[in-house]
Structures are given as structure tokens and as C-alpha cells.
């Protein structure tokens, strides 16, 4: 499922669709979060589907690219501590 309201560049949306999109992203649907092991398990359910994620145990923002030959089993470090 994608972001609930399709807002295009140049649109000036009212608060309802804008908040729905922020709530969707903030609820962990747009940026998945969990331990690295949990994220790896999630990636295995749809191995070719990319997603952004926050590894809570490693304090790292990662991108799962859908290609397990890249990075760390498909996970590429974006930023981390």
C-alpha cells in the first residue's frame, strides 16, 4: 500500500490529506523500524521490494535495495551512529 493521498508537485493540499500522509509515514509504514534482525526477516517476505528502514538496535538509517548481492544482504547504510 502506498501513501494514502497522492499529492503532486505544485499542489497546495489542505491539512486533511497532508496529515494523513504524515501519519502514514510516522506510523512506521513509510520508514520501517525494528532491530536489524527484524528488518532482515521483513525483507525476506518480499525480497525484491525496496524500503527505507531504521535499525533501532544499531541506530542506523538503512535502505533495503532488493538485491541481496549489494551492501549487507541488500541493506545499504544511509546514515548511522
N, C-alpha and C. Protein backbone atom coordinates (compact mmCIF):
# COMPACT_ATOMS: atom_id res chain seq x y z
N UNK A 1 0.84 -1.18 0.00
CA UNK A 1 0.00 0.00 0.00
C UNK A 1 0.88 1.23 0.00
N UNK A 2 0.53 2.20 -0.83
CA UNK A 2 1.30 3.42 -0.91
C UNK A 2 0.77 4.49 0.02
N UNK A 3 1.38 5.66 -0.08
CA UNK A 3 0.94 6.80 0.72
C UNK A 3 -0.53 7.04 0.39
N UNK A 4 -1.39 7.30 1.39
CA UNK A 4 -2.83 7.35 1.16
C UNK A 4 -3.32 8.47 0.23
N UNK A 5 -2.65 9.58 0.17
CA UNK A 5 -3.12 10.69 -0.66
C UNK A 5 -2.04 11.10 -1.64
N UNK A 6 -2.36 11.03 -2.90
CA UNK A 6 -1.40 11.34 -3.94
C UNK A 6 -1.33 12.85 -4.12
N UNK A 7 -0.33 13.48 -3.55
CA UNK A 7 -0.13 14.92 -3.65
C UNK A 7 0.97 15.16 -4.67
N UNK A 8 0.68 15.92 -5.69
CA UNK A 8 1.62 16.18 -6.77
C UNK A 8 2.42 17.44 -6.49
N UNK A 9 3.60 17.57 -7.13
CA UNK A 9 4.38 18.79 -7.04
C UNK A 9 3.52 19.97 -7.49
N UNK A 10 3.58 21.05 -6.76
CA UNK A 10 2.81 22.24 -7.10
C UNK A 10 1.44 22.29 -6.45
N UNK A 11 0.95 21.15 -5.93
CA UNK A 11 -0.35 21.15 -5.23
C UNK A 11 -0.23 21.89 -3.91
N UNK A 12 -1.31 22.47 -3.49
CA UNK A 12 -1.39 23.11 -2.18
C UNK A 12 -2.53 22.39 -1.43
N UNK A 13 -2.20 21.24 -0.81
CA UNK A 13 -3.27 20.45 -0.18
C UNK A 13 -3.73 21.08 1.13
N UNK A 14 -4.97 20.78 1.50
CA UNK A 14 -5.41 21.22 2.82
C UNK A 14 -4.85 20.25 3.86
N UNK A 15 -5.13 20.49 5.09
CA UNK A 15 -4.50 19.75 6.19
C UNK A 15 -4.89 18.27 6.23
N UNK A 16 -6.08 17.92 5.77
CA UNK A 16 -6.55 16.54 5.92
C UNK A 16 -5.68 15.54 5.14
N UNK A 17 -5.49 15.72 3.81
CA UNK A 17 -4.63 14.74 3.12
C UNK A 17 -3.17 14.83 3.53
N UNK A 18 -2.72 16.02 3.86
CA UNK A 18 -1.34 16.19 4.28
C UNK A 18 -1.08 15.46 5.60
N UNK A 19 -1.97 15.61 6.56
CA UNK A 19 -1.81 14.92 7.85
C UNK A 19 -1.95 13.41 7.68
N UNK A 20 -2.82 12.97 6.78
CA UNK A 20 -2.96 11.53 6.55
C UNK A 20 -1.64 10.95 6.06
N UNK A 21 -0.96 11.67 5.18
CA UNK A 21 0.33 11.19 4.68
C UNK A 21 1.38 11.20 5.78
N UNK A 22 1.44 12.25 6.58
CA UNK A 22 2.41 12.28 7.68
C UNK A 22 2.13 11.17 8.70
N UNK A 23 0.85 10.94 9.02
CA UNK A 23 0.50 9.89 9.96
C UNK A 23 0.88 8.52 9.40
N UNK A 24 0.70 8.32 8.11
CA UNK A 24 1.07 7.06 7.46
C UNK A 24 2.58 6.83 7.59
N UNK A 25 3.36 7.85 7.27
CA UNK A 25 4.82 7.72 7.33
C UNK A 25 5.29 7.57 8.77
N UNK A 26 4.70 8.32 9.69
CA UNK A 26 5.11 8.30 11.09
C UNK A 26 4.72 7.03 11.81
N UNK A 27 3.79 6.26 11.23
CA UNK A 27 3.32 5.03 11.85
C UNK A 27 4.19 3.84 11.48
N UNK A 28 5.35 4.11 10.88
CA UNK A 28 6.27 3.02 10.54
C UNK A 28 5.98 2.36 9.21
N UNK A 29 5.02 2.88 8.46
CA UNK A 29 4.70 2.27 7.18
C UNK A 29 5.60 2.79 6.08
N UNK A 30 5.97 4.05 6.14
CA UNK A 30 6.84 4.62 5.12
C UNK A 30 8.31 4.35 5.42
N UNK A 31 8.68 4.44 6.67
CA UNK A 31 10.03 4.11 7.11
C UNK A 31 9.88 3.03 8.17
N UNK A 32 10.17 1.81 7.78
CA UNK A 32 10.00 0.68 8.69
C UNK A 32 11.03 0.76 9.82
N UNK A 33 10.69 0.30 10.99
CA UNK A 33 11.65 0.32 12.09
C UNK A 33 11.60 -0.99 12.86
N UNK A 34 12.73 -1.33 13.44
CA UNK A 34 12.87 -2.56 14.22
C UNK A 34 14.34 -2.89 14.33
N UNK A 35 14.64 -3.98 15.00
CA UNK A 35 16.03 -4.41 15.09
C UNK A 35 16.49 -4.86 13.70
N UNK A 36 17.78 -4.94 13.51
CA UNK A 36 18.29 -5.36 12.21
C UNK A 36 17.77 -6.76 11.86
N UNK A 37 17.70 -7.65 12.84
CA UNK A 37 17.18 -9.00 12.59
C UNK A 37 15.72 -8.95 12.17
N UNK A 38 14.92 -8.09 12.81
CA UNK A 38 13.51 -7.95 12.42
C UNK A 38 13.38 -7.41 11.00
N UNK A 39 14.22 -6.45 10.65
CA UNK A 39 14.19 -5.87 9.31
C UNK A 39 14.61 -6.90 8.26
N UNK A 40 15.60 -7.72 8.60
CA UNK A 40 16.03 -8.77 7.70
C UNK A 40 14.91 -9.78 7.48
N UNK A 41 14.22 -10.14 8.55
CA UNK A 41 13.08 -11.07 8.43
C UNK A 41 11.98 -10.46 7.58
N UNK A 42 11.70 -9.16 7.76
CA UNK A 42 10.69 -8.49 6.95
C UNK A 42 11.09 -8.48 5.48
N UNK A 43 12.36 -8.19 5.21
CA UNK A 43 12.84 -8.15 3.82
C UNK A 43 12.68 -9.51 3.15
N UNK A 44 12.82 -10.57 3.91
CA UNK A 44 12.71 -11.91 3.32
C UNK A 44 11.29 -12.23 2.88
N UNK A 45 10.29 -11.49 3.38
CA UNK A 45 8.90 -11.74 2.98
C UNK A 45 8.61 -11.18 1.59
N UNK A 46 9.39 -10.21 1.13
CA UNK A 46 9.26 -9.64 -0.22
C UNK A 46 10.66 -9.22 -0.66
N UNK A 47 11.51 -10.18 -1.00
CA UNK A 47 12.94 -9.92 -1.17
C UNK A 47 13.33 -8.94 -2.27
N UNK A 48 12.47 -8.66 -3.24
CA UNK A 48 12.86 -7.73 -4.30
C UNK A 48 12.20 -6.35 -4.13
N UNK A 49 11.50 -6.14 -3.01
CA UNK A 49 10.82 -4.87 -2.77
C UNK A 49 11.67 -3.96 -1.90
N UNK A 50 12.13 -2.82 -2.43
CA UNK A 50 12.96 -1.91 -1.64
C UNK A 50 12.15 -1.14 -0.60
N UNK A 51 12.82 -0.74 0.48
CA UNK A 51 12.19 0.09 1.51
C UNK A 51 13.25 0.78 2.35
N UNK A 52 12.87 1.90 2.95
CA UNK A 52 13.72 2.60 3.92
C UNK A 52 13.43 2.04 5.30
N UNK A 53 14.43 2.02 6.16
CA UNK A 53 14.20 1.49 7.49
C UNK A 53 15.18 2.08 8.51
N UNK A 54 14.78 1.99 9.77
CA UNK A 54 15.59 2.43 10.91
C UNK A 54 15.87 1.22 11.77
N UNK A 55 17.14 0.82 11.85
CA UNK A 55 17.54 -0.30 12.70
C UNK A 55 17.71 0.24 14.12
N UNK A 56 16.75 -0.06 14.97
CA UNK A 56 16.72 0.53 16.31
C UNK A 56 17.88 0.07 17.18
N UNK A 57 18.36 -1.14 16.97
CA UNK A 57 19.46 -1.65 17.79
C UNK A 57 20.81 -1.09 17.35
N UNK A 58 20.93 -0.70 16.09
CA UNK A 58 22.20 -0.19 15.58
C UNK A 58 22.19 1.31 15.38
N UNK A 59 21.02 1.92 15.59
CA UNK A 59 20.87 3.38 15.38
C UNK A 59 21.33 3.77 13.99
N UNK A 60 20.79 3.05 12.98
CA UNK A 60 21.20 3.29 11.60
C UNK A 60 19.97 3.45 10.70
N UNK A 61 20.05 4.41 9.79
CA UNK A 61 19.07 4.55 8.73
C UNK A 61 19.59 3.75 7.55
N UNK A 62 18.79 2.79 7.09
CA UNK A 62 19.22 1.89 6.04
C UNK A 62 18.25 1.93 4.87
N UNK A 63 18.74 1.55 3.71
CA UNK A 63 17.90 1.37 2.53
C UNK A 63 18.05 -0.08 2.11
N UNK A 64 16.93 -0.80 2.08
CA UNK A 64 16.96 -2.16 1.55
C UNK A 64 16.67 -2.05 0.06
N UNK A 65 17.64 -2.44 -0.76
CA UNK A 65 17.56 -2.19 -2.21
C UNK A 65 16.90 -3.32 -2.99
N UNK A 66 16.64 -4.46 -2.37
CA UNK A 66 16.01 -5.56 -3.08
C UNK A 66 16.98 -6.44 -3.85
N UNK A 67 18.26 -6.20 -3.69
CA UNK A 67 19.31 -7.01 -4.35
C UNK A 67 20.28 -7.45 -3.27
N UNK A 68 20.18 -8.72 -2.87
CA UNK A 68 20.97 -9.20 -1.74
C UNK A 68 22.47 -9.26 -2.03
N UNK A 69 22.88 -9.05 -3.27
CA UNK A 69 24.32 -9.00 -3.56
C UNK A 69 24.91 -7.63 -3.25
N UNK A 70 24.08 -6.66 -2.95
CA UNK A 70 24.54 -5.30 -2.63
C UNK A 70 24.61 -5.10 -1.12
N UNK A 71 25.55 -4.29 -0.67
CA UNK A 71 25.64 -3.92 0.75
C UNK A 71 25.70 -5.13 1.66
N UNK A 72 24.97 -5.05 2.76
CA UNK A 72 24.89 -6.13 3.74
C UNK A 72 23.59 -6.89 3.49
N UNK A 73 23.63 -7.89 2.62
CA UNK A 73 22.46 -8.69 2.26
C UNK A 73 21.32 -7.82 1.72
N UNK A 74 21.68 -6.78 0.97
CA UNK A 74 20.67 -5.91 0.38
C UNK A 74 20.45 -4.61 1.14
N UNK A 75 21.00 -4.51 2.35
CA UNK A 75 20.86 -3.31 3.17
C UNK A 75 22.05 -2.39 2.94
N UNK A 76 21.77 -1.15 2.60
CA UNK A 76 22.80 -0.16 2.35
C UNK A 76 22.68 0.93 3.42
N UNK A 77 23.77 1.23 4.08
CA UNK A 77 23.78 2.25 5.14
C UNK A 77 23.60 3.64 4.53
N UNK A 78 22.61 4.37 5.03
CA UNK A 78 22.38 5.75 4.62
C UNK A 78 23.02 6.69 5.63
N UNK A 79 22.75 6.47 6.91
CA UNK A 79 23.33 7.27 7.99
C UNK A 79 23.28 6.45 9.27
N UNK A 80 24.23 6.66 10.13
CA UNK A 80 24.20 5.91 11.37
C UNK A 80 25.19 6.41 12.38
N UNK A 81 24.99 5.91 13.58
CA UNK A 81 25.85 6.30 14.69
C UNK A 81 26.73 5.19 15.14
